[in-house]
Amino acid sequence: MTRMLRVPLLSLCKPKVSSVSLSGTLLGTHGGSSIRVTEILQNHVGVSSNRNSLCGFRTFCTGQDLSSKKCVPCNSKDMQPMTEQAANELISQVAGWNLVNEGGIFKLNRSWKVKSFTKGLELFKLIADVAEAEGHHPDLHLVGWNNVTIEIWTHAVGGLTENDFILAAKINGLDPQHLLRRKAAT
């Protein structure tokens, strides 16, 4: 039996199409999808994996808070590092992070001074829990006994992707104040 499903496409920008008609066998015998919606969208509306996310799909539009997005797997061969211009547009959404260029590779960088060596390890654990949940892992550095530095970049593409900004935003959502050194009064 062939079923026709009309799917409205939501977008924060002007959509290329208002809806897509999907015909053929959409549901398997147990209700599971027998075709991947992302493949349909990529073929019919040009959605690419290296664009901003809306409802789980990548688009060129922005507007959704980065901390509410989810990192996507970096296994797409067409995924490219974002341009410096695109990175400069997103950096304002991740307070406290710096955009650095190391040998032509753009990275996000942030540092903290912690109360002690073990507090640095506790901060690593908080960050590791977020990174593991997102499936996107930063470079963590504990230099000296109390200097924590984090570098985020997508190794698989040799630069920054939206995943890096999503992870930075989620790290910003942590409350590490009990681990950090108090700033001297001025």
N, C-alpha and C. Protein backbone atom coordinates (compact mmCIF):
# COMPACT_ATOMS: atom_id res chain seq x y z
N MET A 1 0.84 -1.17 0.00
CA MET A 1 0.00 0.00 0.00
C MET A 1 0.89 1.24 0.00
N THR A 2 0.57 2.18 -0.84
CA THR A 2 1.34 3.42 -0.93
C THR A 2 0.61 4.51 -0.17
N ARG A 3 1.35 5.25 0.65
CA ARG A 3 0.77 6.33 1.43
C ARG A 3 1.41 7.65 1.00
N MET A 4 0.64 8.70 1.02
CA MET A 4 1.13 10.02 0.69
C MET A 4 1.16 10.83 1.98
N LEU A 5 2.27 11.44 2.25
CA LEU A 5 2.42 12.25 3.45
C LEU A 5 2.90 13.62 3.03
N ARG A 6 2.20 14.65 3.44
CA ARG A 6 2.60 16.02 3.15
C ARG A 6 3.23 16.59 4.41
N VAL A 7 4.49 16.97 4.32
CA VAL A 7 5.24 17.43 5.48
C VAL A 7 5.53 18.92 5.33
N PRO A 8 4.98 19.77 6.21
CA PRO A 8 5.34 21.19 6.13
C PRO A 8 6.76 21.38 6.62
N LEU A 9 7.52 22.19 5.94
CA LEU A 9 8.89 22.47 6.35
C LEU A 9 8.91 23.79 7.10
N LEU A 10 9.39 23.76 8.33
CA LEU A 10 9.49 24.96 9.13
C LEU A 10 10.85 25.58 8.90
N SER A 11 10.90 26.88 8.86
CA SER A 11 12.16 27.55 8.64
C SER A 11 12.12 28.93 9.26
N LEU A 12 13.26 29.39 9.72
CA LEU A 12 13.37 30.75 10.23
C LEU A 12 13.70 31.72 9.11
N CYS A 13 14.01 31.20 7.94
CA CYS A 13 14.28 32.04 6.79
C CYS A 13 13.27 31.69 5.70
N LYS A 14 13.34 32.34 4.57
CA LYS A 14 12.41 32.06 3.49
C LYS A 14 12.64 30.64 2.99
N PRO A 15 11.64 29.78 3.09
CA PRO A 15 11.82 28.40 2.65
C PRO A 15 11.89 28.30 1.14
N LYS A 16 12.62 27.29 0.67
CA LYS A 16 12.69 27.03 -0.76
C LYS A 16 11.40 26.41 -1.25
N VAL A 17 10.76 25.62 -0.39
CA VAL A 17 9.48 25.01 -0.70
C VAL A 17 8.64 25.06 0.56
N SER A 18 7.34 25.10 0.40
CA SER A 18 6.49 25.16 1.58
C SER A 18 6.21 23.78 2.15
N SER A 19 6.24 22.76 1.30
CA SER A 19 6.05 21.40 1.79
C SER A 19 6.64 20.43 0.79
N VAL A 20 6.88 19.22 1.26
CA VAL A 20 7.42 18.17 0.43
C VAL A 20 6.47 17.01 0.47
N SER A 21 6.15 16.45 -0.67
CA SER A 21 5.29 15.27 -0.70
C SER A 21 6.17 14.03 -0.73
N LEU A 22 5.93 13.15 0.18
CA LEU A 22 6.69 11.92 0.26
C LEU A 22 5.74 10.79 -0.08
N SER A 23 6.07 10.00 -1.08
CA SER A 23 5.19 8.88 -1.40
C SER A 23 6.01 7.60 -1.37
N GLY A 24 5.32 6.50 -1.43
CA GLY A 24 5.98 5.21 -1.35
C GLY A 24 5.84 4.67 0.05
N THR A 25 6.60 3.66 0.35
CA THR A 25 6.52 3.05 1.66
C THR A 25 7.31 3.90 2.63
N LEU A 26 6.61 4.62 3.49
CA LEU A 26 7.27 5.47 4.46
C LEU A 26 7.48 4.73 5.77
N LEU A 27 6.51 3.94 6.15
CA LEU A 27 6.61 3.21 7.40
C LEU A 27 6.78 1.73 7.15
N GLY A 28 7.66 1.12 7.92
CA GLY A 28 7.85 -0.32 7.84
C GLY A 28 6.71 -1.03 8.56
N THR A 29 6.84 -2.33 8.66
CA THR A 29 5.75 -3.13 9.24
C THR A 29 5.52 -2.83 10.72
N HIS A 30 6.53 -2.37 11.43
CA HIS A 30 6.39 -2.08 12.86
C HIS A 30 6.36 -0.59 13.14
N GLY A 31 6.08 0.22 12.13
CA GLY A 31 5.99 1.66 12.33
C GLY A 31 7.32 2.37 12.21
N GLY A 32 8.42 1.63 12.02
CA GLY A 32 9.73 2.26 11.89
C GLY A 32 9.92 2.81 10.50
N SER A 33 10.70 3.82 10.40
CA SER A 33 10.94 4.44 9.11
C SER A 33 11.79 3.54 8.22
N SER A 34 11.37 3.37 6.99
CA SER A 34 12.17 2.57 6.07
C SER A 34 13.00 3.46 5.15
N ILE A 35 12.81 4.79 5.25
CA ILE A 35 13.66 5.73 4.54
C ILE A 35 14.04 6.83 5.51
N ARG A 36 15.16 7.42 5.28
CA ARG A 36 15.63 8.44 6.20
C ARG A 36 15.15 9.81 5.76
N VAL A 37 14.49 10.50 6.65
CA VAL A 37 13.94 11.82 6.34
C VAL A 37 15.05 12.78 5.96
N THR A 38 16.20 12.67 6.62
CA THR A 38 17.28 13.59 6.29
C THR A 38 17.72 13.43 4.85
N GLU A 39 17.74 12.19 4.33
CA GLU A 39 18.11 11.99 2.94
C GLU A 39 17.09 12.63 2.02
N ILE A 40 15.82 12.51 2.38
CA ILE A 40 14.76 13.13 1.57
C ILE A 40 14.96 14.64 1.55
N LEU A 41 15.17 15.21 2.73
CA LEU A 41 15.33 16.66 2.80
C LEU A 41 16.59 17.11 2.06
N GLN A 42 17.68 16.35 2.17
CA GLN A 42 18.89 16.73 1.46
C GLN A 42 18.68 16.67 -0.03
N ASN A 43 17.95 15.68 -0.52
CA ASN A 43 17.73 15.53 -1.95
C ASN A 43 16.73 16.55 -2.49
N HIS A 44 15.72 16.92 -1.71
CA HIS A 44 14.66 17.77 -2.22
C HIS A 44 14.78 19.24 -1.84
N VAL A 45 15.46 19.55 -0.74
CA VAL A 45 15.56 20.95 -0.34
C VAL A 45 16.99 21.41 -0.12
N GLY A 46 17.95 20.59 -0.38
CA GLY A 46 19.33 21.01 -0.29
C GLY A 46 19.82 21.23 1.12
N VAL A 47 19.28 20.51 2.09
CA VAL A 47 19.74 20.65 3.47
C VAL A 47 21.08 19.95 3.59
N SER A 48 22.05 20.60 4.19
CA SER A 48 23.39 20.05 4.34
C SER A 48 23.73 19.91 5.81
N SER A 49 24.61 18.97 6.13
CA SER A 49 24.94 18.68 7.52
C SER A 49 25.80 19.75 8.17
N ASN A 50 26.41 20.67 7.42
CA ASN A 50 27.29 21.65 8.04
C ASN A 50 26.62 23.00 8.21
N ARG A 51 25.29 23.03 8.27
CA ARG A 51 24.56 24.27 8.45
C ARG A 51 23.95 24.31 9.83
N ASN A 52 23.41 25.45 10.21
CA ASN A 52 22.79 25.60 11.52
C ASN A 52 21.60 24.67 11.64
N SER A 53 21.19 24.38 12.89
CA SER A 53 20.16 23.39 13.14
C SER A 53 18.80 24.03 13.38
N LEU A 54 17.79 23.41 12.85
CA LEU A 54 16.41 23.77 13.16
C LEU A 54 15.63 22.47 13.20
N CYS A 55 15.09 22.14 14.35
CA CYS A 55 14.31 20.91 14.51
C CYS A 55 15.11 19.68 14.07
N GLY A 56 16.41 19.67 14.34
CA GLY A 56 17.23 18.52 14.03
C GLY A 56 17.81 18.51 12.63
N PHE A 57 17.45 19.48 11.79
CA PHE A 57 17.97 19.53 10.43
C PHE A 57 18.88 20.74 10.30
N ARG A 58 19.82 20.68 9.39
CA ARG A 58 20.75 21.76 9.19
C ARG A 58 20.24 22.74 8.15
N THR A 59 20.29 24.03 8.46
CA THR A 59 19.90 25.07 7.53
C THR A 59 20.92 26.19 7.64
N PHE A 60 20.86 27.16 6.74
CA PHE A 60 21.76 28.30 6.82
C PHE A 60 21.26 29.36 7.80
N CYS A 61 20.03 29.24 8.26
CA CYS A 61 19.43 30.26 9.10
C CYS A 61 19.90 30.13 10.54
N THR A 62 19.92 31.25 11.25
CA THR A 62 20.24 31.23 12.67
C THR A 62 19.04 31.77 13.42
N GLY A 63 19.14 31.85 14.71
CA GLY A 63 18.05 32.40 15.51
C GLY A 63 17.74 31.54 16.71
N GLN A 64 18.07 30.27 16.65
CA GLN A 64 17.83 29.38 17.78
C GLN A 64 19.02 29.48 18.72
N ASP A 65 18.75 29.53 20.02
CA ASP A 65 19.80 29.59 21.02
C ASP A 65 20.71 28.37 20.88
N LEU A 66 22.02 28.61 20.81
CA LEU A 66 22.98 27.51 20.62
C LEU A 66 22.88 26.46 21.71
N SER A 67 22.63 26.87 22.95
CA SER A 67 22.61 25.91 24.05
C SER A 67 21.41 24.96 23.97
N SER A 68 20.42 25.28 23.16
CA SER A 68 19.27 24.39 23.01
C SER A 68 19.43 23.43 21.83
N LYS A 69 20.51 23.58 21.09
CA LYS A 69 20.77 22.70 19.94
C LYS A 69 21.54 21.47 20.38
N LYS A 70 21.63 20.51 19.50
CA LYS A 70 22.33 19.25 19.76
C LYS A 70 23.44 19.10 18.72
N CYS A 71 24.62 18.70 19.15
CA CYS A 71 25.71 18.45 18.21
C CYS A 71 25.33 17.29 17.30
N VAL A 72 25.78 17.36 16.05
CA VAL A 72 25.51 16.30 15.08
C VAL A 72 26.81 15.57 14.77
N PRO A 73 26.73 14.29 14.38
CA PRO A 73 27.94 13.54 14.05
C PRO A 73 28.73 14.22 12.93
N CYS A 74 30.03 14.14 13.03
CA CYS A 74 30.92 14.79 12.06
C CYS A 74 31.41 13.78 11.03
N ASN A 75 30.56 12.88 10.58
CA ASN A 75 31.00 11.84 9.66
C ASN A 75 30.65 12.13 8.21
N SER A 76 30.10 13.30 7.94
CA SER A 76 29.73 13.64 6.57
C SER A 76 30.97 14.07 5.79
N LYS A 77 31.16 13.49 4.62
CA LYS A 77 32.32 13.83 3.80
C LYS A 77 32.25 15.25 3.24
N ASP A 78 31.02 15.79 3.15
CA ASP A 78 30.88 17.13 2.61
C ASP A 78 30.95 18.22 3.68
N MET A 79 31.13 17.84 4.94
CA MET A 79 31.22 18.81 6.02
C MET A 79 32.54 19.57 5.91
N GLN A 80 32.45 20.87 5.94
CA GLN A 80 33.62 21.73 5.80
C GLN A 80 33.75 22.63 7.03
N PRO A 81 34.96 23.08 7.34
CA PRO A 81 35.09 24.05 8.43
C PRO A 81 34.42 25.36 8.03
N MET A 82 33.87 26.05 9.02
CA MET A 82 33.22 27.33 8.72
C MET A 82 34.26 28.39 8.42
N THR A 83 33.81 29.42 7.75
CA THR A 83 34.71 30.52 7.41
C THR A 83 34.96 31.37 8.65
N GLU A 84 35.97 32.20 8.57
CA GLU A 84 36.26 33.13 9.67
C GLU A 84 35.09 34.08 9.88
N GLN A 85 34.47 34.50 8.80
CA GLN A 85 33.32 35.40 8.89
C GLN A 85 32.17 34.73 9.64
N ALA A 86 31.87 33.48 9.32
CA ALA A 86 30.79 32.76 10.01
C ALA A 86 31.13 32.59 11.49
N ALA A 87 32.39 32.28 11.79
CA ALA A 87 32.81 32.12 13.19
C ALA A 87 32.68 33.44 13.94
N ASN A 88 33.04 34.54 13.29
CA ASN A 88 32.92 35.85 13.93
C ASN A 88 31.47 36.21 14.21
N GLU A 89 30.55 35.72 13.40
CA GLU A 89 29.12 35.97 13.63
C GLU A 89 28.60 35.20 14.83
N LEU A 90 29.16 34.01 15.09
CA LEU A 90 28.68 33.17 16.20
C LEU A 90 29.40 33.43 17.52
N ILE A 91 30.59 33.99 17.49
CA ILE A 91 31.39 34.13 18.71
C ILE A 91 30.67 34.97 19.76
N SER A 92 29.86 35.92 19.36
CA SER A 92 29.13 36.75 20.33
C SER A 92 28.10 35.95 21.11
N GLN A 93 27.75 34.77 20.63
CA GLN A 93 26.76 33.93 21.32
C GLN A 93 27.38 33.04 22.37
N VAL A 94 28.70 33.07 22.49
CA VAL A 94 29.39 32.25 23.50
C VAL A 94 30.33 33.14 24.32
N ALA A 95 29.73 33.85 25.27
CA ALA A 95 30.47 34.80 26.10
C ALA A 95 31.66 34.12 26.78
N GLY A 96 32.77 34.84 26.81
CA GLY A 96 33.97 34.34 27.50
C GLY A 96 34.90 33.52 26.62
N TRP A 97 34.44 33.14 25.44
CA TRP A 97 35.26 32.35 24.53
C TRP A 97 35.97 33.26 23.54
N ASN A 98 37.16 32.84 23.14
CA ASN A 98 37.94 33.58 22.17
C ASN A 98 38.07 32.76 20.89
N LEU A 99 38.08 33.46 19.77
CA LEU A 99 38.32 32.83 18.48
C LEU A 99 39.81 32.98 18.20
N VAL A 100 40.50 31.86 18.05
CA VAL A 100 41.94 31.90 17.79
C VAL A 100 42.27 31.19 16.48
N ASN A 101 43.32 31.65 15.85
CA ASN A 101 43.80 31.05 14.61
C ASN A 101 45.18 30.47 14.89
N GLU A 102 45.26 29.16 14.88
CA GLU A 102 46.54 28.48 15.11
C GLU A 102 46.98 27.81 13.82
N GLY A 103 47.88 28.43 13.12
CA GLY A 103 48.39 27.85 11.88
C GLY A 103 47.32 27.65 10.82
N GLY A 104 46.36 28.58 10.75
CA GLY A 104 45.31 28.49 9.75
C GLY A 104 44.10 27.68 10.20
N ILE A 105 44.14 27.14 11.41
CA ILE A 105 43.01 26.39 11.96
C ILE A 105 42.34 27.24 13.03
N PHE A 106 41.06 27.56 12.81
CA PHE A 106 40.33 28.35 13.80
C PHE A 106 39.82 27.43 14.90
N LYS A 107 39.95 27.94 16.15
CA LYS A 107 39.53 27.19 17.33
C LYS A 107 38.86 28.15 18.30
N LEU A 108 38.05 27.58 19.19
CA LEU A 108 37.51 28.33 20.32
C LEU A 108 38.39 28.04 21.52
N ASN A 109 38.64 29.05 22.35
CA ASN A 109 39.54 28.90 23.47
C ASN A 109 38.96 29.65 24.66
N ARG A 110 39.06 29.04 25.83
CA ARG A 110 38.64 29.70 27.07
C ARG A 110 39.49 29.18 28.22
N SER A 111 39.79 30.06 29.17
CA SER A 111 40.62 29.69 30.33
C SER A 111 39.95 30.10 31.62
N TRP A 112 40.25 29.35 32.68
CA TRP A 112 39.79 29.64 34.03
C TRP A 112 40.95 29.41 34.99
N LYS A 113 40.92 30.11 36.10
CA LYS A 113 41.83 29.83 37.21
C LYS A 113 40.99 29.15 38.29
N VAL A 114 41.41 27.95 38.67
CA VAL A 114 40.68 27.19 39.66
C VAL A 114 41.36 27.28 41.02
N LYS A 115 40.64 26.91 42.07
CA LYS A 115 41.16 27.00 43.44
C LYS A 115 42.33 26.07 43.70
N SER A 116 42.31 24.90 43.08
CA SER A 116 43.35 23.91 43.33
C SER A 116 43.44 22.94 42.15
N PHE A 117 44.45 22.11 42.19
CA PHE A 117 44.62 21.09 41.15
C PHE A 117 43.39 20.18 41.08
N THR A 118 42.91 19.73 42.24
CA THR A 118 41.75 18.82 42.24
C THR A 118 40.48 19.53 41.78
N LYS A 119 40.36 20.83 42.04
CA LYS A 119 39.21 21.59 41.52
C LYS A 119 39.28 21.67 40.00
N GLY A 120 40.48 21.72 39.46
CA GLY A 120 40.65 21.68 38.00
C GLY A 120 40.16 20.36 37.43
N LEU A 121 40.46 19.28 38.12
CA LEU A 121 39.98 17.97 37.67
C LEU A 121 38.46 17.87 37.79
N GLU A 122 37.89 18.50 38.83
CA GLU A 122 36.43 18.53 38.96
C GLU A 122 35.80 19.31 37.80
N LEU A 123 36.43 20.42 37.41
CA LEU A 123 35.93 21.18 36.27
C LEU A 123 36.01 20.34 35.00
N PHE A 124 37.10 19.60 34.84
CA PHE A 124 37.22 18.69 33.69
C PHE A 124 36.06 17.70 33.67
N LYS A 125 35.70 17.17 34.83
CA LYS A 125 34.61 16.19 34.92
C LYS A 125 33.28 16.82 34.50
N LEU A 126 33.00 18.03 34.95
CA LEU A 126 31.77 18.72 34.56
C LEU A 126 31.72 18.90 33.04
N ILE A 127 32.82 19.33 32.48
CA ILE A 127 32.91 19.56 31.04
C ILE A 127 32.83 18.24 30.29
N ALA A 128 33.48 17.22 30.81
CA ALA A 128 33.47 15.90 30.16
C ALA A 128 32.06 15.33 30.10
N ASP A 129 31.26 15.55 31.14
CA ASP A 129 29.88 15.05 31.13
C ASP A 129 29.07 15.72 30.01
N VAL A 130 29.24 17.02 29.83
CA VAL A 130 28.54 17.74 28.76
C VAL A 130 29.05 17.25 27.41
N ALA A 131 30.36 17.15 27.26
CA ALA A 131 30.96 16.73 25.99
C ALA A 131 30.52 15.32 25.61
N GLU A 132 30.47 14.44 26.57
CA GLU A 132 30.06 13.06 26.30
C GLU A 132 28.59 13.01 25.88
N ALA A 133 27.75 13.80 26.53
CA ALA A 133 26.33 13.84 26.17
C ALA A 133 26.14 14.37 24.74
N GLU A 134 27.02 15.27 24.30
CA GLU A 134 26.93 15.84 22.96
C GLU A 134 27.68 15.01 21.92
N GLY A 135 28.54 14.11 22.37
CA GLY A 135 29.35 13.34 21.42
C GLY A 135 30.36 14.21 20.71
N HIS A 136 30.81 15.27 21.37
CA HIS A 136 31.76 16.21 20.79
C HIS A 136 32.74 16.59 21.90
N HIS A 137 34.02 16.35 21.68
CA HIS A 137 34.98 16.40 22.78
C HIS A 137 36.05 17.46 22.59
N PRO A 138 36.21 18.35 23.58
CA PRO A 138 37.21 19.41 23.50
C PRO A 138 38.58 18.91 23.94
N ASP A 139 39.58 19.74 23.67
CA ASP A 139 40.91 19.50 24.21
C ASP A 139 40.96 20.20 25.56
N LEU A 140 41.29 19.46 26.61
CA LEU A 140 41.33 19.99 27.97
C LEU A 140 42.78 20.07 28.43
N HIS A 141 43.15 21.21 29.01
CA HIS A 141 44.52 21.41 29.47
C HIS A 141 44.51 21.92 30.91
N LEU A 142 45.28 21.28 31.77
CA LEU A 142 45.49 21.76 33.13
C LEU A 142 46.98 22.07 33.22
N VAL A 143 47.29 23.36 33.21
CA VAL A 143 48.68 23.82 33.16
C VAL A 143 49.03 24.41 34.52
N GLY A 144 50.21 24.04 35.01
CA GLY A 144 50.55 24.44 36.36
C GLY A 144 49.61 23.68 37.29
N TRP A 145 49.26 24.25 38.38
CA TRP A 145 48.38 23.56 39.29
C TRP A 145 46.95 24.10 39.27
N ASN A 146 46.74 25.26 38.60
CA ASN A 146 45.40 25.83 38.68
C ASN A 146 44.92 26.56 37.41
N ASN A 147 45.55 26.35 36.30
CA ASN A 147 45.16 27.02 35.06
C ASN A 147 44.51 26.02 34.11
N VAL A 148 43.21 26.17 33.91
CA VAL A 148 42.45 25.29 33.02
C VAL A 148 42.20 26.04 31.72
N THR A 149 42.54 25.40 30.61
CA THR A 149 42.26 25.95 29.29
C THR A 149 41.55 24.89 28.47
N ILE A 150 40.55 25.34 27.73
CA ILE A 150 39.81 24.44 26.85
C ILE A 150 39.92 24.96 25.43
N GLU A 151 40.20 24.06 24.51
CA GLU A 151 40.18 24.37 23.08
C GLU A 151 39.11 23.49 22.45
N ILE A 152 38.25 24.13 21.66
CA ILE A 152 37.22 23.37 20.96
C ILE A 152 37.37 23.65 19.47
N TRP A 153 37.45 22.57 18.72
CA TRP A 153 37.44 22.63 17.27
C TRP A 153 37.12 21.24 16.77
N THR A 154 36.66 21.15 15.55
CA THR A 154 36.27 19.86 15.00
C THR A 154 37.46 19.27 14.26
N HIS A 155 38.12 18.33 14.90
CA HIS A 155 39.31 17.72 14.34
C HIS A 155 39.04 17.08 12.98
N ALA A 156 37.86 16.48 12.82
CA ALA A 156 37.53 15.75 11.59
C ALA A 156 37.50 16.65 10.36
N VAL A 157 37.24 17.95 10.54
CA VAL A 157 37.21 18.87 9.39
C VAL A 157 38.36 19.86 9.41
N GLY A 158 39.17 19.83 10.48
CA GLY A 158 40.31 20.73 10.55
C GLY A 158 39.93 22.18 10.78
N GLY A 159 38.91 22.41 11.60
CA GLY A 159 38.49 23.78 11.89
C GLY A 159 37.21 23.79 12.69
N LEU A 160 36.53 24.91 12.66
CA LEU A 160 35.31 25.08 13.44
C LEU A 160 34.06 24.68 12.66
N THR A 161 33.11 24.11 13.40
CA THR A 161 31.76 23.85 12.89
C THR A 161 30.79 24.38 13.93
N GLU A 162 29.52 24.37 13.61
CA GLU A 162 28.54 24.83 14.57
C GLU A 162 28.59 23.98 15.84
N ASN A 163 28.96 22.71 15.73
CA ASN A 163 29.06 21.84 16.92
C ASN A 163 29.95 22.47 17.98
N ASP A 164 31.02 23.13 17.57
CA ASP A 164 31.96 23.72 18.51
C ASP A 164 31.29 24.84 19.31
N PHE A 165 30.49 25.64 18.63
CA PHE A 165 29.79 26.73 19.30
C PHE A 165 28.66 26.19 20.20
N ILE A 166 28.02 25.12 19.76
CA ILE A 166 26.99 24.48 20.59
C ILE A 166 27.62 23.97 21.88
N LEU A 167 28.75 23.28 21.78
CA LEU A 167 29.42 22.76 22.97
C LEU A 167 29.87 23.91 23.87
N ALA A 168 30.43 24.97 23.31
CA ALA A 168 30.85 26.12 24.11
C ALA A 168 29.66 26.72 24.86
N ALA A 169 28.53 26.85 24.18
CA ALA A 169 27.32 27.40 24.82
C ALA A 169 26.86 26.50 25.96
N LYS A 170 26.94 25.21 25.77
CA LYS A 170 26.52 24.28 26.83
C LYS A 170 27.50 24.31 28.01
N ILE A 171 28.78 24.46 27.72
CA ILE A 171 29.77 24.60 28.80
C ILE A 171 29.49 25.89 29.57
N ASN A 172 29.12 26.95 28.85
CA ASN A 172 28.77 28.21 29.52
C ASN A 172 27.58 28.04 30.46
N GLY A 173 26.75 27.05 30.21
CA GLY A 173 25.59 26.79 31.05
C GLY A 173 25.93 26.11 32.37
N LEU A 174 27.17 25.66 32.50
CA LEU A 174 27.60 25.04 33.76
C LEU A 174 27.79 26.12 34.83
N ASP A 175 27.76 25.72 36.08
CA ASP A 175 28.01 26.65 37.18
C ASP A 175 29.27 26.20 37.93
N PRO A 176 30.45 26.63 37.46
CA PRO A 176 31.70 26.18 38.08
C PRO A 176 32.21 27.12 39.17
N GLN A 177 31.41 28.09 39.61
CA GLN A 177 31.90 29.12 40.54
C GLN A 177 32.53 28.54 41.80
N HIS A 178 32.01 27.43 42.30
CA HIS A 178 32.56 26.82 43.51
C HIS A 178 33.95 26.23 43.27
N LEU A 179 34.36 26.12 42.02
CA LEU A 179 35.67 25.57 41.68
C LEU A 179 36.70 26.65 41.36
N LEU A 180 36.24 27.86 41.09
CA LEU A 180 37.11 28.93 40.59
C LEU A 180 37.67 29.79 41.72
N ARG A 181 38.87 30.33 41.46
CA ARG A 181 39.47 31.27 42.39
C ARG A 181 38.68 32.57 42.36
N ARG A 182 38.55 33.17 43.49
CA ARG A 182 37.86 34.45 43.57
C ARG A 182 38.82 35.53 43.06
N LYS A 183 38.27 36.47 42.33
CA LYS A 183 39.10 37.56 41.82
C LYS A 183 39.42 38.51 42.97
N ALA A 184 40.63 39.03 42.97
CA ALA A 184 41.04 39.97 44.02
C ALA A 184 40.23 41.25 43.88
N ALA A 185 39.86 41.84 45.01
CA ALA A 185 39.11 43.10 45.00
C ALA A 185 40.02 44.21 44.50
N THR A 186 39.47 45.08 43.68
CA THR A 186 40.29 46.18 43.14
C THR A 186 39.95 47.49 43.77
